[in-house]
Amino acid sequence: TDTYVENTDEWIGKEIEVKIINVEEKNK
């Protein structure tokens, strides 16, 4: 999100909108 997340566990199950910033087909 727009601030650093300390506890990532709290975000499990949440829906968010994102953009793709890196695609590496070779390394999947």
mmCIF file of all heavy atoms, coordinates in Angstrom:
data_MODEL
# 
_entry.id   MODEL 
# 
loop_
_atom_site.group_PDB 
_atom_site.id 
_atom_site.type_symbol 
_atom_site.label_atom_id 
_atom_site.label_alt_id 
_atom_site.label_comp_id 
_atom_site.label_asym_id 
_atom_site.label_entity_id 
_atom_site.label_seq_id 
_atom_site.pdbx_PDB_ins_code 
_atom_site.Cartn_x 
_atom_site.Cartn_y 
_atom_site.Cartn_z 
_atom_site.occupancy 
_atom_site.B_iso_or_equiv 
_atom_site.pdbx_formal_charge 
_atom_site.auth_seq_id 
_atom_site.auth_comp_id 
_atom_site.auth_asym_id 
_atom_site.auth_atom_id 
_atom_site.pdbx_PDB_model_num 
ATOM 1   N N   . THR A 1 1  ? 0.853   -1.189  0.000   1.00 0.00 ? 1  THR A N   1 
ATOM 2   C CA  . THR A 1 1  ? 0.000   0.000   0.000   1.00 0.00 ? 1  THR A CA  1 
ATOM 3   C C   . THR A 1 1  ? 0.889   1.238   0.000   1.00 0.00 ? 1  THR A C   1 
ATOM 4   O O   . THR A 1 1  ? 2.094   1.129   -0.266  1.00 0.00 ? 1  THR A O   1 
ATOM 5   C CB  . THR A 1 1  ? -0.972  -0.023  1.203   1.00 0.00 ? 1  THR A CB  1 
ATOM 6   O OG1 . THR A 1 1  ? -1.886  1.070   1.099   1.00 0.00 ? 1  THR A OG1 1 
ATOM 7   C CG2 . THR A 1 1  ? -0.231  0.018   2.525   1.00 0.00 ? 1  THR A CG2 1 
ATOM 8   N N   . ASP A 1 2  ? 0.329   2.410   0.311   1.00 0.00 ? 2  ASP A N   1 
ATOM 9   C CA  . ASP A 1 2  ? 1.122   3.640   0.212   1.00 0.00 ? 2  ASP A CA  1 
ATOM 10  C C   . ASP A 1 2  ? 2.034   3.871   1.411   1.00 0.00 ? 2  ASP A C   1 
ATOM 11  O O   . ASP A 1 2  ? 2.776   4.854   1.435   1.00 0.00 ? 2  ASP A O   1 
ATOM 12  C CB  . ASP A 1 2  ? 0.210   4.854   -0.010  1.00 0.00 ? 2  ASP A CB  1 
ATOM 13  C CG  . ASP A 1 2  ? -0.829  5.002   1.079   1.00 0.00 ? 2  ASP A CG  1 
ATOM 14  O OD1 . ASP A 1 2  ? -1.062  4.023   1.817   1.00 0.00 ? 2  ASP A OD1 1 
ATOM 15  O OD2 . ASP A 1 2  ? -1.416  6.086   1.205   1.00 0.00 ? 2  ASP A OD2 1 
ATOM 16  N N   . THR A 1 3  ? 1.992   2.977   2.409   1.00 0.00 ? 3  THR A N   1 
ATOM 17  C CA  . THR A 1 3  ? 2.916   3.042   3.538   1.00 0.00 ? 3  THR A CA  1 
ATOM 18  C C   . THR A 1 3  ? 3.541   1.664   3.747   1.00 0.00 ? 3  THR A C   1 
ATOM 19  O O   . THR A 1 3  ? 2.974   0.652   3.315   1.00 0.00 ? 3  THR A O   1 
ATOM 20  C CB  . THR A 1 3  ? 2.194   3.468   4.837   1.00 0.00 ? 3  THR A CB  1 
ATOM 21  O OG1 . THR A 1 3  ? 1.108   2.565   5.091   1.00 0.00 ? 3  THR A OG1 1 
ATOM 22  C CG2 . THR A 1 3  ? 1.645   4.882   4.722   1.00 0.00 ? 3  THR A CG2 1 
ATOM 23  N N   . TYR A 1 4  ? 4.684   1.623   4.409   1.00 0.00 ? 4  TYR A N   1 
ATOM 24  C CA  . TYR A 1 4  ? 5.354   0.332   4.639   1.00 0.00 ? 4  TYR A CA  1 
ATOM 25  C C   . TYR A 1 4  ? 4.524   -0.513  5.599   1.00 0.00 ? 4  TYR A C   1 
ATOM 26  O O   . TYR A 1 4  ? 4.020   -0.024  6.606   1.00 0.00 ? 4  TYR A O   1 
ATOM 27  C CB  . TYR A 1 4  ? 6.757   0.548   5.225   1.00 0.00 ? 4  TYR A CB  1 
ATOM 28  C CG  . TYR A 1 4  ? 7.514   -0.749  5.414   1.00 0.00 ? 4  TYR A CG  1 
ATOM 29  C CD1 . TYR A 1 4  ? 8.179   -1.338  4.338   1.00 0.00 ? 4  TYR A CD1 1 
ATOM 30  C CD2 . TYR A 1 4  ? 7.534   -1.397  6.642   1.00 0.00 ? 4  TYR A CD2 1 
ATOM 31  C CE1 . TYR A 1 4  ? 8.863   -2.533  4.496   1.00 0.00 ? 4  TYR A CE1 1 
ATOM 32  C CE2 . TYR A 1 4  ? 8.214   -2.603  6.797   1.00 0.00 ? 4  TYR A CE2 1 
ATOM 33  C CZ  . TYR A 1 4  ? 8.878   -3.157  5.721   1.00 0.00 ? 4  TYR A CZ  1 
ATOM 34  O OH  . TYR A 1 4  ? 9.547   -4.350  5.877   1.00 0.00 ? 4  TYR A OH  1 
ATOM 35  N N   . VAL A 1 5  ? 4.373   -1.792  5.266   1.00 0.00 ? 5  VAL A N   1 
ATOM 36  C CA  . VAL A 1 5  ? 3.590   -2.709  6.093   1.00 0.00 ? 5  VAL A CA  1 
ATOM 37  C C   . VAL A 1 5  ? 4.528   -3.532  6.979   1.00 0.00 ? 5  VAL A C   1 
ATOM 38  O O   . VAL A 1 5  ? 5.386   -4.259  6.473   1.00 0.00 ? 5  VAL A O   1 
ATOM 39  C CB  . VAL A 1 5  ? 2.732   -3.646  5.215   1.00 0.00 ? 5  VAL A CB  1 
ATOM 40  C CG1 . VAL A 1 5  ? 2.028   -4.694  6.069   1.00 0.00 ? 5  VAL A CG1 1 
ATOM 41  C CG2 . VAL A 1 5  ? 1.723   -2.843  4.405   1.00 0.00 ? 5  VAL A CG2 1 
ATOM 42  N N   . GLU A 1 6  ? 4.357   -3.387  8.287   1.00 0.00 ? 6  GLU A N   1 
ATOM 43  C CA  . GLU A 1 6  ? 5.187   -4.137  9.241   1.00 0.00 ? 6  GLU A CA  1 
ATOM 44  C C   . GLU A 1 6  ? 4.697   -5.579  9.383   1.00 0.00 ? 6  GLU A C   1 
ATOM 45  O O   . GLU A 1 6  ? 5.469   -6.522  9.300   1.00 0.00 ? 6  GLU A O   1 
ATOM 46  C CB  . GLU A 1 6  ? 5.169   -3.445  10.612  1.00 0.00 ? 6  GLU A CB  1 
ATOM 47  C CG  . GLU A 1 6  ? 5.851   -2.085  10.636  1.00 0.00 ? 6  GLU A CG  1 
ATOM 48  C CD  . GLU A 1 6  ? 7.363   -2.180  10.570  1.00 0.00 ? 6  GLU A CD  1 
ATOM 49  O OE1 . GLU A 1 6  ? 7.897   -3.308  10.730  1.00 0.00 ? 6  GLU A OE1 1 
ATOM 50  O OE2 . GLU A 1 6  ? 8.014   -1.144  10.339  1.00 0.00 ? 6  GLU A OE2 1 
ATOM 51  N N   . ASN A 1 7  ? 3.376   -5.729  9.596   1.00 0.00 ? 7  ASN A N   1 
ATOM 52  C CA  . ASN A 1 7  ? 2.801   -7.055  9.820   1.00 0.00 ? 7  ASN A CA  1 
ATOM 53  C C   . ASN A 1 7  ? 2.047   -7.501  8.565   1.00 0.00 ? 7  ASN A C   1 
ATOM 54  O O   . ASN A 1 7  ? 0.886   -7.171  8.367   1.00 0.00 ? 7  ASN A O   1 
ATOM 55  C CB  . ASN A 1 7  ? 1.870   -7.030  11.038  1.00 0.00 ? 7  ASN A CB  1 
ATOM 56  C CG  . ASN A 1 7  ? 1.346   -8.412  11.395  1.00 0.00 ? 7  ASN A CG  1 
ATOM 57  O OD1 . ASN A 1 7  ? 1.706   -9.416  10.761  1.00 0.00 ? 7  ASN A OD1 1 
ATOM 58  N ND2 . ASN A 1 7  ? 0.521   -8.481  12.414  1.00 0.00 ? 7  ASN A ND2 1 
ATOM 59  N N   . THR A 1 8  ? 2.722   -8.279  7.722   1.00 0.00 ? 8  THR A N   1 
ATOM 60  C CA  . THR A 1 8  ? 2.104   -8.710  6.466   1.00 0.00 ? 8  THR A CA  1 
ATOM 61  C C   . THR A 1 8  ? 0.996   -9.744  6.688   1.00 0.00 ? 8  THR A C   1 
ATOM 62  O O   . THR A 1 8  ? 0.134   -9.919  5.822   1.00 0.00 ? 8  THR A O   1 
ATOM 63  C CB  . THR A 1 8  ? 3.163   -9.292  5.512   1.00 0.00 ? 8  THR A CB  1 
ATOM 64  O OG1 . THR A 1 8  ? 3.903   -10.314 6.195   1.00 0.00 ? 8  THR A OG1 1 
ATOM 65  C CG2 . THR A 1 8  ? 4.128   -8.204  5.055   1.00 0.00 ? 8  THR A CG2 1 
ATOM 66  N N   . ASP A 1 9  ? 1.019   -10.423 7.838   1.00 0.00 ? 9  ASP A N   1 
ATOM 67  C CA  . ASP A 1 9  ? -0.024  -11.418 8.126   1.00 0.00 ? 9  ASP A CA  1 
ATOM 68  C C   . ASP A 1 9  ? -1.419  -10.782 8.128   1.00 0.00 ? 9  ASP A C   1 
ATOM 69  O O   . ASP A 1 9  ? -2.410  -11.441 7.797   1.00 0.00 ? 9  ASP A O   1 
ATOM 70  C CB  . ASP A 1 9  ? 0.216   -12.086 9.488   1.00 0.00 ? 9  ASP A CB  1 
ATOM 71  C CG  . ASP A 1 9  ? 1.405   -13.038 9.447   1.00 0.00 ? 9  ASP A CG  1 
ATOM 72  O OD1 . ASP A 1 9  ? 1.814   -13.423 8.336   1.00 0.00 ? 9  ASP A OD1 1 
ATOM 73  O OD2 . ASP A 1 9  ? 1.932   -13.397 10.518  1.00 0.00 ? 9  ASP A OD2 1 
ATOM 74  N N   . GLU A 1 10 ? -1.493  -9.521  8.523   1.00 0.00 ? 10 GLU A N   1 
ATOM 75  C CA  . GLU A 1 10 ? -2.784  -8.834  8.609   1.00 0.00 ? 10 GLU A CA  1 
ATOM 76  C C   . GLU A 1 10 ? -3.427  -8.636  7.240   1.00 0.00 ? 10 GLU A C   1 
ATOM 77  O O   . GLU A 1 10 ? -4.613  -8.322  7.147   1.00 0.00 ? 10 GLU A O   1 
ATOM 78  C CB  . GLU A 1 10 ? -2.606  -7.474  9.290   1.00 0.00 ? 10 GLU A CB  1 
ATOM 79  C CG  . GLU A 1 10 ? -2.203  -7.575  10.760  1.00 0.00 ? 10 GLU A CG  1 
ATOM 80  C CD  . GLU A 1 10 ? -2.000  -6.204  11.390  1.00 0.00 ? 10 GLU A CD  1 
ATOM 81  O OE1 . GLU A 1 10 ? -1.978  -5.213  10.628  1.00 0.00 ? 10 GLU A OE1 1 
ATOM 82  O OE2 . GLU A 1 10 ? -1.855  -6.133  12.625  1.00 0.00 ? 10 GLU A OE2 1 
ATOM 83  N N   . TRP A 1 11 ? -2.661  -8.796  6.177   1.00 0.00 ? 11 TRP A N   1 
ATOM 84  C CA  . TRP A 1 11 ? -3.175  -8.560  4.825   1.00 0.00 ? 11 TRP A CA  1 
ATOM 85  C C   . TRP A 1 11 ? -3.664  -9.831  4.137   1.00 0.00 ? 11 TRP A C   1 
ATOM 86  O O   . TRP A 1 11 ? -4.226  -9.771  3.048   1.00 0.00 ? 11 TRP A O   1 
ATOM 87  C CB  . TRP A 1 11 ? -2.095  -7.882  3.974   1.00 0.00 ? 11 TRP A CB  1 
ATOM 88  C CG  . TRP A 1 11 ? -1.917  -6.454  4.377   1.00 0.00 ? 11 TRP A CG  1 
ATOM 89  C CD1 . TRP A 1 11 ? -1.235  -5.984  5.468   1.00 0.00 ? 11 TRP A CD1 1 
ATOM 90  C CD2 . TRP A 1 11 ? -2.465  -5.305  3.724   1.00 0.00 ? 11 TRP A CD2 1 
ATOM 91  N NE1 . TRP A 1 11 ? -1.314  -4.617  5.533   1.00 0.00 ? 11 TRP A NE1 1 
ATOM 92  C CE2 . TRP A 1 11 ? -2.057  -4.173  4.479   1.00 0.00 ? 11 TRP A CE2 1 
ATOM 93  C CE3 . TRP A 1 11 ? -3.235  -5.117  2.594   1.00 0.00 ? 11 TRP A CE3 1 
ATOM 94  C CZ2 . TRP A 1 11 ? -2.429  -2.880  4.108   1.00 0.00 ? 11 TRP A CZ2 1 
ATOM 95  C CZ3 . TRP A 1 11 ? -3.596  -3.830  2.224   1.00 0.00 ? 11 TRP A CZ3 1 
ATOM 96  C CH2 . TRP A 1 11 ? -3.184  -2.730  2.987   1.00 0.00 ? 11 TRP A CH2 1 
ATOM 97  N N   . ILE A 1 12 ? -3.465  -10.986 4.758   1.00 0.00 ? 12 ILE A N   1 
ATOM 98  C CA  . ILE A 1 12 ? -3.910  -12.250 4.160   1.00 0.00 ? 12 ILE A CA  1 
ATOM 99  C C   . ILE A 1 12 ? -5.433  -12.246 4.006   1.00 0.00 ? 12 ILE A C   1 
ATOM 100 O O   . ILE A 1 12 ? -6.160  -11.936 4.946   1.00 0.00 ? 12 ILE A O   1 
ATOM 101 C CB  . ILE A 1 12 ? -3.462  -13.457 5.020   1.00 0.00 ? 12 ILE A CB  1 
ATOM 102 C CG1 . ILE A 1 12 ? -1.936  -13.537 5.060   1.00 0.00 ? 12 ILE A CG1 1 
ATOM 103 C CG2 . ILE A 1 12 ? -4.040  -14.756 4.465   1.00 0.00 ? 12 ILE A CG2 1 
ATOM 104 C CD1 . ILE A 1 12 ? -1.396  -14.609 5.989   1.00 0.00 ? 12 ILE A CD1 1 
ATOM 105 N N   . GLY A 1 13 ? -5.900  -12.570 2.811   1.00 0.00 ? 13 GLY A N   1 
ATOM 106 C CA  . GLY A 1 13 ? -7.337  -12.603 2.537   1.00 0.00 ? 13 GLY A CA  1 
ATOM 107 C C   . GLY A 1 13 ? -7.894  -11.292 2.015   1.00 0.00 ? 13 GLY A C   1 
ATOM 108 O O   . GLY A 1 13 ? -9.034  -11.244 1.545   1.00 0.00 ? 13 GLY A O   1 
ATOM 109 N N   . LYS A 1 14 ? -7.096  -10.217 2.068   1.00 0.00 ? 14 LYS A N   1 
ATOM 110 C CA  . LYS A 1 14 ? -7.577  -8.926  1.601   1.00 0.00 ? 14 LYS A CA  1 
ATOM 111 C C   . LYS A 1 14 ? -7.401  -8.798  0.087   1.00 0.00 ? 14 LYS A C   1 
ATOM 112 O O   . LYS A 1 14 ? -6.455  -9.337  -0.481  1.00 0.00 ? 14 LYS A O   1 
ATOM 113 C CB  . LYS A 1 14 ? -6.837  -7.773  2.297   1.00 0.00 ? 14 LYS A CB  1 
ATOM 114 C CG  . LYS A 1 14 ? -7.171  -7.629  3.764   1.00 0.00 ? 14 LYS A CG  1 
ATOM 115 C CD  . LYS A 1 14 ? -6.496  -6.396  4.345   1.00 0.00 ? 14 LYS A CD  1 
ATOM 116 C CE  . LYS A 1 14 ? -6.868  -6.192  5.811   1.00 0.00 ? 14 LYS A CE  1 
ATOM 117 N NZ  . LYS A 1 14 ? -6.231  -4.987  6.387   1.00 0.00 ? 14 LYS A NZ  1 
ATOM 118 N N   . GLU A 1 15 ? -8.320  -8.054  -0.537  1.00 0.00 ? 15 GLU A N   1 
ATOM 119 C CA  . GLU A 1 15 ? -8.216  -7.764  -1.961  1.00 0.00 ? 15 GLU A CA  1 
ATOM 120 C C   . GLU A 1 15 ? -7.656  -6.360  -2.155  1.00 0.00 ? 15 GLU A C   1 
ATOM 121 O O   . GLU A 1 15 ? -8.117  -5.417  -1.506  1.00 0.00 ? 15 GLU A O   1 
ATOM 122 C CB  . GLU A 1 15 ? -9.582  -7.878  -2.645  1.00 0.00 ? 15 GLU A CB  1 
ATOM 123 C CG  . GLU A 1 15 ? -10.078 -9.301  -2.804  1.00 0.00 ? 15 GLU A CG  1 
ATOM 124 C CD  . GLU A 1 15 ? -11.313 -9.391  -3.676  1.00 0.00 ? 15 GLU A CD  1 
ATOM 125 O OE1 . GLU A 1 15 ? -11.984 -8.353  -3.861  1.00 0.00 ? 15 GLU A OE1 1 
ATOM 126 O OE2 . GLU A 1 15 ? -11.617 -10.484 -4.170  1.00 0.00 ? 15 GLU A OE2 1 
ATOM 127 N N   . ILE A 1 16 ? -6.682  -6.231  -3.021  1.00 0.00 ? 16 ILE A N   1 
ATOM 128 C CA  . ILE A 1 16 ? -6.100  -4.922  -3.306  1.00 0.00 ? 16 ILE A CA  1 
ATOM 129 C C   . ILE A 1 16 ? -5.914  -4.774  -4.819  1.00 0.00 ? 16 ILE A C   1 
ATOM 130 O O   . ILE A 1 16 ? -5.915  -5.758  -5.556  1.00 0.00 ? 16 ILE A O   1 
ATOM 131 C CB  . ILE A 1 16 ? -4.746  -4.707  -2.596  1.00 0.00 ? 16 ILE A CB  1 
ATOM 132 C CG1 . ILE A 1 16 ? -3.696  -5.717  -3.093  1.00 0.00 ? 16 ILE A CG1 1 
ATOM 133 C CG2 . ILE A 1 16 ? -4.898  -4.805  -1.088  1.00 0.00 ? 16 ILE A CG2 1 
ATOM 134 C CD1 . ILE A 1 16 ? -2.294  -5.423  -2.603  1.00 0.00 ? 16 ILE A CD1 1 
ATOM 135 N N   . GLU A 1 17 ? -5.758  -3.538  -5.254  1.00 0.00 ? 17 GLU A N   1 
ATOM 136 C CA  . GLU A 1 17 ? -5.491  -3.273  -6.663  1.00 0.00 ? 17 GLU A CA  1 
ATOM 137 C C   . GLU A 1 17 ? -4.002  -3.031  -6.840  1.00 0.00 ? 17 GLU A C   1 
ATOM 138 O O   . GLU A 1 17 ? -3.372  -2.320  -6.040  1.00 0.00 ? 17 GLU A O   1 
ATOM 139 C CB  . GLU A 1 17 ? -6.293  -2.071  -7.139  1.00 0.00 ? 17 GLU A CB  1 
ATOM 140 C CG  . GLU A 1 17 ? -7.788  -2.337  -7.199  1.00 0.00 ? 17 GLU A CG  1 
ATOM 141 C CD  . GLU A 1 17 ? -8.565  -1.162  -7.760  1.00 0.00 ? 17 GLU A CD  1 
ATOM 142 O OE1 . GLU A 1 17 ? -8.120  -0.009  -7.576  1.00 0.00 ? 17 GLU A OE1 1 
ATOM 143 O OE2 . GLU A 1 17 ? -9.612  -1.390  -8.390  1.00 0.00 ? 17 GLU A OE2 1 
ATOM 144 N N   . VAL A 1 18 ? -3.429  -3.639  -7.873  1.00 0.00 ? 18 VAL A N   1 
ATOM 145 C CA  . VAL A 1 18 ? -1.984  -3.573  -8.084  1.00 0.00 ? 18 VAL A CA  1 
ATOM 146 C C   . VAL A 1 18 ? -1.652  -3.319  -9.552  1.00 0.00 ? 18 VAL A C   1 
ATOM 147 O O   . VAL A 1 18 ? -2.508  -3.424  -10.426 1.00 0.00 ? 18 VAL A O   1 
ATOM 148 C CB  . VAL A 1 18 ? -1.304  -4.894  -7.649  1.00 0.00 ? 18 VAL A CB  1 
ATOM 149 C CG1 . VAL A 1 18 ? -1.497  -5.147  -6.170  1.00 0.00 ? 18 VAL A CG1 1 
ATOM 150 C CG2 . VAL A 1 18 ? -1.848  -6.077  -8.461  1.00 0.00 ? 18 VAL A CG2 1 
ATOM 151 N N   . LYS A 1 19 ? -0.376  -2.996  -9.775  1.00 0.00 ? 19 LYS A N   1 
ATOM 152 C CA  . LYS A 1 19 ? 0.170   -2.925  -11.124 1.00 0.00 ? 19 LYS A CA  1 
ATOM 153 C C   . LYS A 1 19 ? 1.368   -3.872  -11.195 1.00 0.00 ? 19 LYS A C   1 
ATOM 154 O O   . LYS A 1 19 ? 2.007   -4.155  -10.175 1.00 0.00 ? 19 LYS A O   1 
ATOM 155 C CB  . LYS A 1 19 ? 0.612   -1.503  -11.462 1.00 0.00 ? 19 LYS A CB  1 
ATOM 156 C CG  . LYS A 1 19 ? -0.538  -0.529  -11.634 1.00 0.00 ? 19 LYS A CG  1 
ATOM 157 C CD  . LYS A 1 19 ? -0.037  0.833   -12.082 1.00 0.00 ? 19 LYS A CD  1 
ATOM 158 C CE  . LYS A 1 19 ? -1.201  1.805   -12.289 1.00 0.00 ? 19 LYS A CE  1 
ATOM 159 N NZ  . LYS A 1 19 ? -0.733  3.125   -12.764 1.00 0.00 ? 19 LYS A NZ  1 
ATOM 160 N N   . ILE A 1 20 ? 1.654   -4.355  -12.377 1.00 0.00 ? 20 ILE A N   1 
ATOM 161 C CA  . ILE A 1 20 ? 2.799   -5.254  -12.578 1.00 0.00 ? 20 ILE A CA  1 
ATOM 162 C C   . ILE A 1 20 ? 4.049   -4.409  -12.775 1.00 0.00 ? 20 ILE A C   1 
ATOM 163 O O   . ILE A 1 20 ? 4.083   -3.535  -13.640 1.00 0.00 ? 20 ILE A O   1 
ATOM 164 C CB  . ILE A 1 20 ? 2.567   -6.161  -13.799 1.00 0.00 ? 20 ILE A CB  1 
ATOM 165 C CG1 . ILE A 1 20 ? 1.350   -7.060  -13.546 1.00 0.00 ? 20 ILE A CG1 1 
ATOM 166 C CG2 . ILE A 1 20 ? 3.802   -7.011  -14.081 1.00 0.00 ? 20 ILE A CG2 1 
ATOM 167 C CD1 . ILE A 1 20 ? 0.915   -7.860  -14.764 1.00 0.00 ? 20 ILE A CD1 1 
ATOM 168 N N   . ILE A 1 21 ? 5.067   -4.669  -11.966 1.00 0.00 ? 21 ILE A N   1 
ATOM 169 C CA  . ILE A 1 21 ? 6.292   -3.865  -12.071 1.00 0.00 ? 21 ILE A CA  1 
ATOM 170 C C   . ILE A 1 21 ? 7.491   -4.670  -12.586 1.00 0.00 ? 21 ILE A C   1 
ATOM 171 O O   . ILE A 1 21 ? 8.494   -4.098  -12.984 1.00 0.00 ? 21 ILE A O   1 
ATOM 172 C CB  . ILE A 1 21 ? 6.653   -3.192  -10.727 1.00 0.00 ? 21 ILE A CB  1 
ATOM 173 C CG1 . ILE A 1 21 ? 6.861   -4.213  -9.607  1.00 0.00 ? 21 ILE A CG1 1 
ATOM 174 C CG2 . ILE A 1 21 ? 5.581   -2.193  -10.328 1.00 0.00 ? 21 ILE A CG2 1 
ATOM 175 C CD1 . ILE A 1 21 ? 7.360   -3.602  -8.305  1.00 0.00 ? 21 ILE A CD1 1 
ATOM 176 N N   . ASN A 1 22 ? 7.386   -5.995  -12.571 1.00 0.00 ? 22 ASN A N   1 
ATOM 177 C CA  . ASN A 1 22 ? 8.504   -6.802  -13.078 1.00 0.00 ? 22 ASN A CA  1 
ATOM 178 C C   . ASN A 1 22 ? 7.996   -8.149  -13.588 1.00 0.00 ? 22 ASN A C   1 
ATOM 179 O O   . ASN A 1 22 ? 7.286   -8.857  -12.886 1.00 0.00 ? 22 ASN A O   1 
ATOM 180 C CB  . ASN A 1 22 ? 9.543   -7.027  -11.975 1.00 0.00 ? 22 ASN A CB  1 
ATOM 181 C CG  . ASN A 1 22 ? 10.812  -7.666  -12.518 1.00 0.00 ? 22 ASN A CG  1 
ATOM 182 O OD1 . ASN A 1 22 ? 11.168  -7.467  -13.673 1.00 0.00 ? 22 ASN A OD1 1 
ATOM 183 N ND2 . ASN A 1 22 ? 11.488  -8.450  -11.703 1.00 0.00 ? 22 ASN A ND2 1 
ATOM 184 N N   . VAL A 1 23 ? 8.345   -8.474  -14.847 1.00 0.00 ? 23 VAL A N   1 
ATOM 185 C CA  . VAL A 1 23 ? 7.975   -9.760  -15.450 1.00 0.00 ? 23 VAL A CA  1 
ATOM 186 C C   . VAL A 1 23 ? 9.247   -10.427 -15.965 1.00 0.00 ? 23 VAL A C   1 
ATOM 187 O O   . VAL A 1 23 ? 9.926   -9.885  -16.830 1.00 0.00 ? 23 VAL A O   1 
ATOM 188 C CB  . VAL A 1 23 ? 6.991   -9.563  -16.628 1.00 0.00 ? 23 VAL A CB  1 
ATOM 189 C CG1 . VAL A 1 23 ? 6.640   -10.910 -17.248 1.00 0.00 ? 23 VAL A CG1 1 
ATOM 190 C CG2 . VAL A 1 23 ? 5.733   -8.851  -16.171 1.00 0.00 ? 23 VAL A CG2 1 
ATOM 191 N N   . GLU A 1 24 ? 9.568   -11.604 -15.400 1.00 0.00 ? 24 GLU A N   1 
ATOM 192 C CA  . GLU A 1 24 ? 10.731  -12.368 -15.858 1.00 0.00 ? 24 GLU A CA  1 
ATOM 193 C C   . GLU A 1 24 ? 10.275  -13.769 -16.225 1.00 0.00 ? 24 GLU A C   1 
ATOM 194 O O   . GLU A 1 24 ? 10.179  -14.655 -15.373 1.00 0.00 ? 24 GLU A O   1 
ATOM 195 C CB  . GLU A 1 24 ? 11.799  -12.423 -14.763 1.00 0.00 ? 24 GLU A CB  1 
ATOM 196 C CG  . GLU A 1 24 ? 12.439  -11.092 -14.445 1.00 0.00 ? 24 GLU A CG  1 
ATOM 197 C CD  . GLU A 1 24 ? 13.532  -11.210 -13.396 1.00 0.00 ? 24 GLU A CD  1 
ATOM 198 O OE1 . GLU A 1 24 ? 14.120  -12.321 -13.278 1.00 0.00 ? 24 GLU A OE1 1 
ATOM 199 O OE2 . GLU A 1 24 ? 13.804  -10.219 -12.704 1.00 0.00 ? 24 GLU A OE2 1 
ATOM 200 N N   . GLU A 1 25 ? 10.004  -13.969 -17.516 1.00 0.00 ? 25 GLU A N   1 
ATOM 201 C CA  . GLU A 1 25 ? 9.514   -15.272 -17.975 1.00 0.00 ? 25 GLU A CA  1 
ATOM 202 C C   . GLU A 1 25 ? 10.547  -16.372 -17.736 1.00 0.00 ? 25 GLU A C   1 
ATOM 203 O O   . GLU A 1 25 ? 10.196  -17.487 -17.314 1.00 0.00 ? 25 GLU A O   1 
ATOM 204 C CB  . GLU A 1 25 ? 9.166   -15.193 -19.460 1.00 0.00 ? 25 GLU A CB  1 
ATOM 205 C CG  . GLU A 1 25 ? 8.631   -16.496 -20.025 1.00 0.00 ? 25 GLU A CG  1 
ATOM 206 C CD  . GLU A 1 25 ? 8.262   -16.391 -21.491 1.00 0.00 ? 25 GLU A CD  1 
ATOM 207 O OE1 . GLU A 1 25 ? 8.388   -15.291 -22.072 1.00 0.00 ? 25 GLU A OE1 1 
ATOM 208 O OE2 . GLU A 1 25 ? 7.856   -17.423 -22.045 1.00 0.00 ? 25 GLU A OE2 1 
ATOM 209 N N   . LYS A 1 26 ? 11.808  -16.068 -17.995 1.00 0.00 ? 26 LYS A N   1 
ATOM 210 C CA  . LYS A 1 26 ? 12.864  -17.072 -17.861 1.00 0.00 ? 26 LYS A CA  1 
ATOM 211 C C   . LYS A 1 26 ? 12.934  -17.628 -16.447 1.00 0.00 ? 26 LYS A C   1 
ATOM 212 O O   . LYS A 1 26 ? 13.082  -18.839 -16.237 1.00 0.00 ? 26 LYS A O   1 
ATOM 213 C CB  . LYS A 1 26 ? 14.215  -16.450 -18.246 1.00 0.00 ? 26 LYS A CB  1 
ATOM 214 C CG  . LYS A 1 26 ? 15.370  -17.430 -18.205 1.00 0.00 ? 26 LYS A CG  1 
ATOM 215 C CD  . LYS A 1 26 ? 16.667  -16.748 -18.630 1.00 0.00 ? 26 LYS A CD  1 
ATOM 216 C CE  . LYS A 1 26 ? 17.836  -17.731 -18.565 1.00 0.00 ? 26 LYS A CE  1 
ATOM 217 N NZ  . LYS A 1 26 ? 19.117  -17.083 -18.956 1.00 0.00 ? 26 LYS A NZ  1 
ATOM 218 N N   . ASN A 1 27 ? 12.815  -16.740 -15.451 1.00 0.00 ? 27 ASN A N   1 
ATOM 219 C CA  . ASN A 1 27 ? 12.901  -17.163 -14.044 1.00 0.00 ? 27 ASN A CA  1 
ATOM 220 C C   . ASN A 1 27 ? 11.528  -17.391 -13.413 1.00 0.00 ? 27 ASN A C   1 
ATOM 221 O O   . ASN A 1 27 ? 11.428  -17.633 -12.214 1.00 0.00 ? 27 ASN A O   1 
ATOM 222 C CB  . ASN A 1 27 ? 13.661  -16.107 -13.225 1.00 0.00 ? 27 ASN A CB  1 
ATOM 223 C CG  . ASN A 1 27 ? 15.077  -15.912 -13.724 1.00 0.00 ? 27 ASN A CG  1 
ATOM 224 O OD1 . ASN A 1 27 ? 15.762  -16.867 -14.051 1.00 0.00 ? 27 ASN A OD1 1 
ATOM 225 N ND2 . ASN A 1 27 ? 15.515  -14.655 -13.802 1.00 0.00 ? 27 ASN A ND2 1 
ATOM 226 N N   . LYS A 1 28 ? 10.458  -17.265 -14.243 1.00 0.00 ? 28 LYS A N   1 
ATOM 227 C CA  . LYS A 1 28 ? 9.084   -17.420 -13.750 1.00 0.00 ? 28 LYS A CA  1 
ATOM 228 C C   . LYS A 1 28 ? 8.842   -16.495 -12.553 1.00 0.00 ? 28 LYS A C   1 
ATOM 229 O O   . LYS A 1 28 ? 8.277   -16.889 -11.536 1.00 0.00 ? 28 LYS A O   1 
ATOM 230 C CB  . LYS A 1 28 ? 8.801   -18.873 -13.349 1.00 0.00 ? 28 LYS A CB  1 
ATOM 231 C CG  . LYS A 1 28 ? 9.080   -19.893 -14.429 1.00 0.00 ? 28 LYS A CG  1 
ATOM 232 C CD  . LYS A 1 28 ? 8.192   -19.684 -15.646 1.00 0.00 ? 28 LYS A CD  1 
ATOM 233 C CE  . LYS A 1 28 ? 8.444   -20.723 -16.734 1.00 0.00 ? 28 LYS A CE  1 
ATOM 234 N NZ  . LYS A 1 28 ? 7.701   -20.439 -17.983 1.00 0.00 ? 28 LYS A NZ  1 
# 
